[in-house]
All heavy atoms as atom14 arrays in JSON, in Angstrom:
{
  "sequence": "GLNCLDSIPTSLGALNELKELGVFDNALTT",
  "atom14_mask": [
    [1, 1, 1, 1, 0, 0, 0, 0, 0, 0, 0, 0, 0, 0],
    [1, 1, 1, 1, 1, 1, 1, 1, 0, 0, 0, 0, 0, 0],
    [1, 1, 1, 1, 1, 1, 1, 1, 0, 0, 0, 0, 0, 0],
    [1, 1, 1, 1, 1, 1, 0, 0, 0, 0, 0, 0, 0, 0],
    [1, 1, 1, 1, 1, 1, 1, 1, 0, 0, 0, 0, 0, 0],
    [1, 1, 1, 1, 1, 1, 1, 1, 0, 0, 0, 0, 0, 0],
    [1, 1, 1, 1, 1, 1, 0, 0, 0, 0, 0, 0, 0, 0],
    [1, 1, 1, 1, 1, 1, 1, 1, 0, 0, 0, 0, 0, 0],
    [1, 1, 1, 1, 1, 1, 1, 0, 0, 0, 0, 0, 0, 0],
    [1, 1, 1, 1, 1, 1, 1, 0, 0, 0, 0, 0, 0, 0],
    [1, 1, 1, 1, 1, 1, 0, 0, 0, 0, 0, 0, 0, 0],
    [1, 1, 1, 1, 1, 1, 1, 1, 0, 0, 0, 0, 0, 0],
    [1, 1, 1, 1, 0, 0, 0, 0, 0, 0, 0, 0, 0, 0],
    [1, 1, 1, 1, 1, 0, 0, 0, 0, 0, 0, 0, 0, 0],
    [1, 1, 1, 1, 1, 1, 1, 1, 0, 0, 0, 0, 0, 0],
    [1, 1, 1, 1, 1, 1, 1, 1, 0, 0, 0, 0, 0, 0],
    [1, 1, 1, 1, 1, 1, 1, 1, 1, 0, 0, 0, 0, 0],
    [1, 1, 1, 1, 1, 1, 1, 1, 0, 0, 0, 0, 0, 0],
    [1, 1, 1, 1, 1, 1, 1, 1, 1, 0, 0, 0, 0, 0],
    [1, 1, 1, 1, 1, 1, 1, 1, 1, 0, 0, 0, 0, 0],
    [1, 1, 1, 1, 1, 1, 1, 1, 0, 0, 0, 0, 0, 0],
    [1, 1, 1, 1, 0, 0, 0, 0, 0, 0, 0, 0, 0, 0],
    [1, 1, 1, 1, 1, 1, 1, 0, 0, 0, 0, 0, 0, 0],
    [1, 1, 1, 1, 1, 1, 1, 1, 1, 1, 1, 0, 0, 0],
    [1, 1, 1, 1, 1, 1, 1, 1, 0, 0, 0, 0, 0, 0],
    [1, 1, 1, 1, 1, 1, 1, 1, 0, 0, 0, 0, 0, 0],
    [1, 1, 1, 1, 1, 0, 0, 0, 0, 0, 0, 0, 0, 0],
    [1, 1, 1, 1, 1, 1, 1, 1, 0, 0, 0, 0, 0, 0],
    [1, 1, 1, 1, 1, 1, 1, 0, 0, 0, 0, 0, 0, 0],
    [1, 1, 1, 1, 1, 1, 1, 0, 0, 0, 0, 0, 0, 0]
  ],
  "atom14_positions": [
    [[39.67, 30.16, 18.41], [41.08, 30.02, 18.85], [41.33, 30.74, 20.21], [40.5, 31.56, 20.61], [0.0, 0.0, 0.0], [0.0, 0.0, 0.0], [0.0, 0.0, 0.0], [0.0, 0.0, 0.0], [0.0, 0.0, 0.0], [0.0, 0.0, 0.0], [0.0, 0.0, 0.0], [0.0, 0.0, 0.0], [0.0, 0.0, 0.0], [0.0, 0.0, 0.0]],
    [[42.33, 30.32, 20.94], [42.74, 30.9, 22.18], [41.6, 30.91, 23.26], [41.27, 31.94, 23.81], [43.25, 32.41, 22.03], [44.66, 32.57, 21.64], [45.04, 33.93, 21.15], [45.63, 32.15, 22.85], [0.0, 0.0, 0.0], [0.0, 0.0, 0.0], [0.0, 0.0, 0.0], [0.0, 0.0, 0.0], [0.0, 0.0, 0.0], [0.0, 0.0, 0.0]],
    [[41.09, 29.74, 23.37], [39.99, 29.51, 24.5], [40.47, 28.34, 25.32], [41.63, 28.05, 25.41], [38.68, 29.41, 23.83], [38.03, 30.68, 23.48], [37.61, 31.39, 24.34], [37.86, 30.99, 22.19], [0.0, 0.0, 0.0], [0.0, 0.0, 0.0], [0.0, 0.0, 0.0], [0.0, 0.0, 0.0], [0.0, 0.0, 0.0], [0.0, 0.0, 0.0]],
    [[39.48, 27.63, 25.96], [39.82, 26.61, 26.84], [39.05, 25.33, 26.43], [38.56, 24.54, 27.19], [39.42, 26.87, 28.26], [39.99, 28.44, 28.87], [0.0, 0.0, 0.0], [0.0, 0.0, 0.0], [0.0, 0.0, 0.0], [0.0, 0.0, 0.0], [0.0, 0.0, 0.0], [0.0, 0.0, 0.0], [0.0, 0.0, 0.0], [0.0, 0.0, 0.0]],
    [[38.95, 25.07, 25.16], [38.13, 23.99, 24.57], [39.06, 22.66, 24.66], [40.15, 22.65, 24.19], [37.83, 24.26, 23.07], [37.15, 25.49, 22.78], [36.8, 25.6, 21.25], [35.84, 25.7, 23.47], [0.0, 0.0, 0.0], [0.0, 0.0, 0.0], [0.0, 0.0, 0.0], [0.0, 0.0, 0.0], [0.0, 0.0, 0.0], [0.0, 0.0, 0.0]],
    [[38.44, 21.64, 25.27], [39.1, 20.35, 25.26], [38.59, 19.36, 24.14], [39.09, 18.3, 23.91], [38.98, 19.65, 26.61], [37.57, 19.55, 27.11], [36.59, 19.62, 26.31], [37.4, 19.34, 28.28], [0.0, 0.0, 0.0], [0.0, 0.0, 0.0], [0.0, 0.0, 0.0], [0.0, 0.0, 0.0], [0.0, 0.0, 0.0], [0.0, 0.0, 0.0]],
    [[37.49, 19.84, 23.45], [36.99, 19.06, 22.32], [36.13, 20.05, 21.53], [35.79, 21.11, 21.99], [36.1, 17.94, 22.76], [34.98, 18.32, 23.5], [0.0, 0.0, 0.0], [0.0, 0.0, 0.0], [0.0, 0.0, 0.0], [0.0, 0.0, 0.0], [0.0, 0.0, 0.0], [0.0, 0.0, 0.0], [0.0, 0.0, 0.0], [0.0, 0.0, 0.0]],
    [[35.87, 19.67, 20.26], [35.02, 20.4, 19.35], [33.62, 19.68, 19.29], [33.61, 18.38, 18.99], [35.59, 20.49, 17.97], [36.94, 21.21, 17.95], [34.67, 21.25, 16.97], [37.63, 21.34, 16.71], [0.0, 0.0, 0.0], [0.0, 0.0, 0.0], [0.0, 0.0, 0.0], [0.0, 0.0, 0.0], [0.0, 0.0, 0.0], [0.0, 0.0, 0.0]],
    [[32.58, 20.38, 19.49], [31.24, 19.68, 19.44], [31.0, 19.09, 18.02], [31.23, 19.77, 17.09], [30.25, 20.8, 19.66], [31.06, 21.85, 20.4], [32.43, 21.78, 19.96], [0.0, 0.0, 0.0], [0.0, 0.0, 0.0], [0.0, 0.0, 0.0], [0.0, 0.0, 0.0], [0.0, 0.0, 0.0], [0.0, 0.0, 0.0], [0.0, 0.0, 0.0]],
    [[30.67, 17.81, 17.95], [30.44, 17.19, 16.65], [29.28, 17.8, 15.92], [29.24, 17.76, 14.65], [30.14, 15.76, 16.9], [28.93, 15.59, 17.8], [31.28, 15.03, 17.48], [0.0, 0.0, 0.0], [0.0, 0.0, 0.0], [0.0, 0.0, 0.0], [0.0, 0.0, 0.0], [0.0, 0.0, 0.0], [0.0, 0.0, 0.0], [0.0, 0.0, 0.0]],
    [[28.46, 18.58, 16.66], [27.32, 19.31, 16.1], [27.72, 20.37, 15.08], [26.95, 20.74, 14.23], [26.31, 19.79, 17.09], [27.07, 20.74, 17.94], [0.0, 0.0, 0.0], [0.0, 0.0, 0.0], [0.0, 0.0, 0.0], [0.0, 0.0, 0.0], [0.0, 0.0, 0.0], [0.0, 0.0, 0.0], [0.0, 0.0, 0.0], [0.0, 0.0, 0.0]],
    [[28.98, 20.8, 15.24], [29.47, 21.89, 14.25], [29.64, 21.31, 12.89], [29.76, 21.99, 11.88], [30.76, 22.41, 14.76], [30.78, 23.25, 16.0], [32.14, 23.89, 16.19], [29.78, 24.3, 15.98], [0.0, 0.0, 0.0], [0.0, 0.0, 0.0], [0.0, 0.0, 0.0], [0.0, 0.0, 0.0], [0.0, 0.0, 0.0], [0.0, 0.0, 0.0]],
    [[29.51, 19.97, 12.77], [29.49, 19.32, 11.49], [28.24, 19.67, 10.59], [28.14, 19.35, 9.49], [0.0, 0.0, 0.0], [0.0, 0.0, 0.0], [0.0, 0.0, 0.0], [0.0, 0.0, 0.0], [0.0, 0.0, 0.0], [0.0, 0.0, 0.0], [0.0, 0.0, 0.0], [0.0, 0.0, 0.0], [0.0, 0.0, 0.0], [0.0, 0.0, 0.0]],
    [[27.32, 20.32, 11.24], [26.08, 20.74, 10.49], [26.27, 22.06, 9.74], [25.43, 22.5, 9.04], [24.89, 20.91, 11.45], [0.0, 0.0, 0.0], [0.0, 0.0, 0.0], [0.0, 0.0, 0.0], [0.0, 0.0, 0.0], [0.0, 0.0, 0.0], [0.0, 0.0, 0.0], [0.0, 0.0, 0.0], [0.0, 0.0, 0.0], [0.0, 0.0, 0.0]],
    [[27.41, 22.74, 10.05], [27.72, 23.99, 9.38], [28.26, 23.79, 7.92], [29.44, 24.03, 7.73], [28.75, 24.8, 10.23], [28.25, 25.09, 11.69], [29.37, 25.82, 12.44], [27.01, 25.9, 11.68], [0.0, 0.0, 0.0], [0.0, 0.0, 0.0], [0.0, 0.0, 0.0], [0.0, 0.0, 0.0], [0.0, 0.0, 0.0], [0.0, 0.0, 0.0]],
    [[27.39, 23.42, 7.02], [27.84, 23.05, 5.7], [28.37, 24.14, 4.9], [28.96, 23.92, 3.77], [26.69, 22.38, 4.93], [26.31, 21.04, 5.51], [27.22, 20.3, 6.0], [25.0, 20.66, 5.59], [0.0, 0.0, 0.0], [0.0, 0.0, 0.0], [0.0, 0.0, 0.0], [0.0, 0.0, 0.0], [0.0, 0.0, 0.0], [0.0, 0.0, 0.0]],
    [[28.14, 25.37, 5.21], [28.66, 26.52, 4.49], [30.07, 27.01, 4.99], [30.69, 27.89, 4.43], [27.66, 27.71, 4.47], [26.4, 27.4, 3.77], [26.61, 27.15, 2.37], [27.39, 27.79, 1.68], [25.96, 26.25, 1.81], [0.0, 0.0, 0.0], [0.0, 0.0, 0.0], [0.0, 0.0, 0.0], [0.0, 0.0, 0.0], [0.0, 0.0, 0.0]],
    [[30.52, 26.39, 6.08], [31.78, 26.85, 6.69], [32.96, 26.67, 5.83], [33.24, 25.59, 5.35], [31.97, 26.07, 8.09], [32.86, 26.81, 9.08], [32.42, 28.03, 9.57], [33.14, 25.88, 10.26], [0.0, 0.0, 0.0], [0.0, 0.0, 0.0], [0.0, 0.0, 0.0], [0.0, 0.0, 0.0], [0.0, 0.0, 0.0], [0.0, 0.0, 0.0]],
    [[33.68, 27.71, 5.66], [34.97, 27.69, 4.84], [36.17, 27.8, 5.61], [37.29, 27.28, 5.2], [34.93, 28.84, 3.81], [33.79, 28.75, 2.73], [33.86, 29.83, 1.74], [32.77, 29.68, 0.68], [32.84, 30.72, -0.33], [0.0, 0.0, 0.0], [0.0, 0.0, 0.0], [0.0, 0.0, 0.0], [0.0, 0.0, 0.0], [0.0, 0.0, 0.0]],
    [[36.18, 28.56, 6.76], [37.37, 28.76, 7.55], [37.02, 28.47, 9.06], [36.05, 29.06, 9.54], [37.9, 30.16, 7.4], [38.36, 30.45, 5.91], [38.96, 31.87, 5.77], [39.41, 32.39, 6.82], [38.88, 32.35, 4.69], [0.0, 0.0, 0.0], [0.0, 0.0, 0.0], [0.0, 0.0, 0.0], [0.0, 0.0, 0.0], [0.0, 0.0, 0.0]],
    [[37.84, 27.7, 9.69], [37.69, 27.36, 11.16], [38.97, 27.46, 11.85], [39.96, 26.91, 11.52], [37.18, 25.97, 11.25], [36.98, 25.45, 12.71], [35.95, 26.32, 13.51], [36.47, 23.99, 12.74], [0.0, 0.0, 0.0], [0.0, 0.0, 0.0], [0.0, 0.0, 0.0], [0.0, 0.0, 0.0], [0.0, 0.0, 0.0], [0.0, 0.0, 0.0]],
    [[38.99, 28.32, 12.91], [40.21, 28.46, 13.81], [39.92, 27.86, 15.16], [38.95, 28.23, 15.82], [0.0, 0.0, 0.0], [0.0, 0.0, 0.0], [0.0, 0.0, 0.0], [0.0, 0.0, 0.0], [0.0, 0.0, 0.0], [0.0, 0.0, 0.0], [0.0, 0.0, 0.0], [0.0, 0.0, 0.0], [0.0, 0.0, 0.0], [0.0, 0.0, 0.0]],
    [[40.76, 26.95, 15.53], [40.6, 26.28, 16.84], [42.06, 26.23, 17.51], [42.29, 25.34, 18.39], [40.01, 24.83, 16.76], [38.53, 24.96, 16.45], [40.73, 24.01, 15.79], [0.0, 0.0, 0.0], [0.0, 0.0, 0.0], [0.0, 0.0, 0.0], [0.0, 0.0, 0.0], [0.0, 0.0, 0.0], [0.0, 0.0, 0.0], [0.0, 0.0, 0.0]],
    [[42.97, 27.03, 17.11], [44.3, 27.13, 17.56], [44.33, 27.43, 19.05], [43.44, 28.04, 19.6], [45.15, 28.01, 16.77], [44.58, 29.38, 16.69], [44.88, 30.38, 17.58], [43.71, 29.68, 15.65], [44.36, 31.63, 17.55], [43.13, 30.95, 15.46], [43.45, 31.97, 16.5], [0.0, 0.0, 0.0], [0.0, 0.0, 0.0], [0.0, 0.0, 0.0]],
    [[45.45, 27.0, 19.74], [45.69, 27.39, 21.12], [44.53, 27.02, 22.06], [44.08, 27.84, 22.78], [46.05, 28.88, 21.22], [47.32, 29.26, 20.63], [48.43, 28.88, 21.19], [47.43, 29.86, 19.54], [0.0, 0.0, 0.0], [0.0, 0.0, 0.0], [0.0, 0.0, 0.0], [0.0, 0.0, 0.0], [0.0, 0.0, 0.0], [0.0, 0.0, 0.0]],
    [[44.1, 25.77, 21.97], [43.13, 25.25, 22.92], [43.75, 23.97, 23.58], [45.0, 23.86, 23.66], [41.85, 24.95, 22.13], [41.03, 26.23, 22.06], [40.44, 26.7, 22.92], [40.95, 26.66, 20.75], [0.0, 0.0, 0.0], [0.0, 0.0, 0.0], [0.0, 0.0, 0.0], [0.0, 0.0, 0.0], [0.0, 0.0, 0.0], [0.0, 0.0, 0.0]],
    [[42.95, 23.13, 24.04], [43.38, 21.87, 24.68], [42.83, 20.68, 23.99], [42.59, 19.66, 24.6], [42.97, 21.85, 26.13], [0.0, 0.0, 0.0], [0.0, 0.0, 0.0], [0.0, 0.0, 0.0], [0.0, 0.0, 0.0], [0.0, 0.0, 0.0], [0.0, 0.0, 0.0], [0.0, 0.0, 0.0], [0.0, 0.0, 0.0], [0.0, 0.0, 0.0]],
    [[42.78, 20.8, 22.65], [42.19, 19.68, 21.86], [43.16, 18.53, 21.7], [44.36, 18.72, 21.49], [41.85, 20.25, 20.45], [40.85, 21.45, 20.34], [40.72, 21.9, 18.97], [39.52, 21.08, 20.98], [0.0, 0.0, 0.0], [0.0, 0.0, 0.0], [0.0, 0.0, 0.0], [0.0, 0.0, 0.0], [0.0, 0.0, 0.0], [0.0, 0.0, 0.0]],
    [[42.65, 17.3, 21.77], [43.35, 16.08, 21.53], [43.02, 15.42, 20.2], [43.65, 14.55, 19.72], [43.12, 15.08, 22.62], [41.75, 14.76, 22.78], [43.72, 15.64, 23.92], [0.0, 0.0, 0.0], [0.0, 0.0, 0.0], [0.0, 0.0, 0.0], [0.0, 0.0, 0.0], [0.0, 0.0, 0.0], [0.0, 0.0, 0.0], [0.0, 0.0, 0.0]],
    [[41.85, 15.88, 19.56], [41.43, 15.33, 18.24], [40.51, 16.31, 17.52], [39.98, 17.18, 18.18], [40.77, 13.95, 18.39], [40.58, 13.33, 17.16], [39.47, 14.06, 19.2], [0.0, 0.0, 0.0], [0.0, 0.0, 0.0], [0.0, 0.0, 0.0], [0.0, 0.0, 0.0], [0.0, 0.0, 0.0], [0.0, 0.0, 0.0], [0.0, 0.0, 0.0]]
  ]
}
């Protein structure tokens, strides 16, 4: 969260153990 991300890398879909993800306050459109 609170960075300058305009997208989330699809490669993060490999993190199969991930339970919590924060991407708030960025520039994401999807």
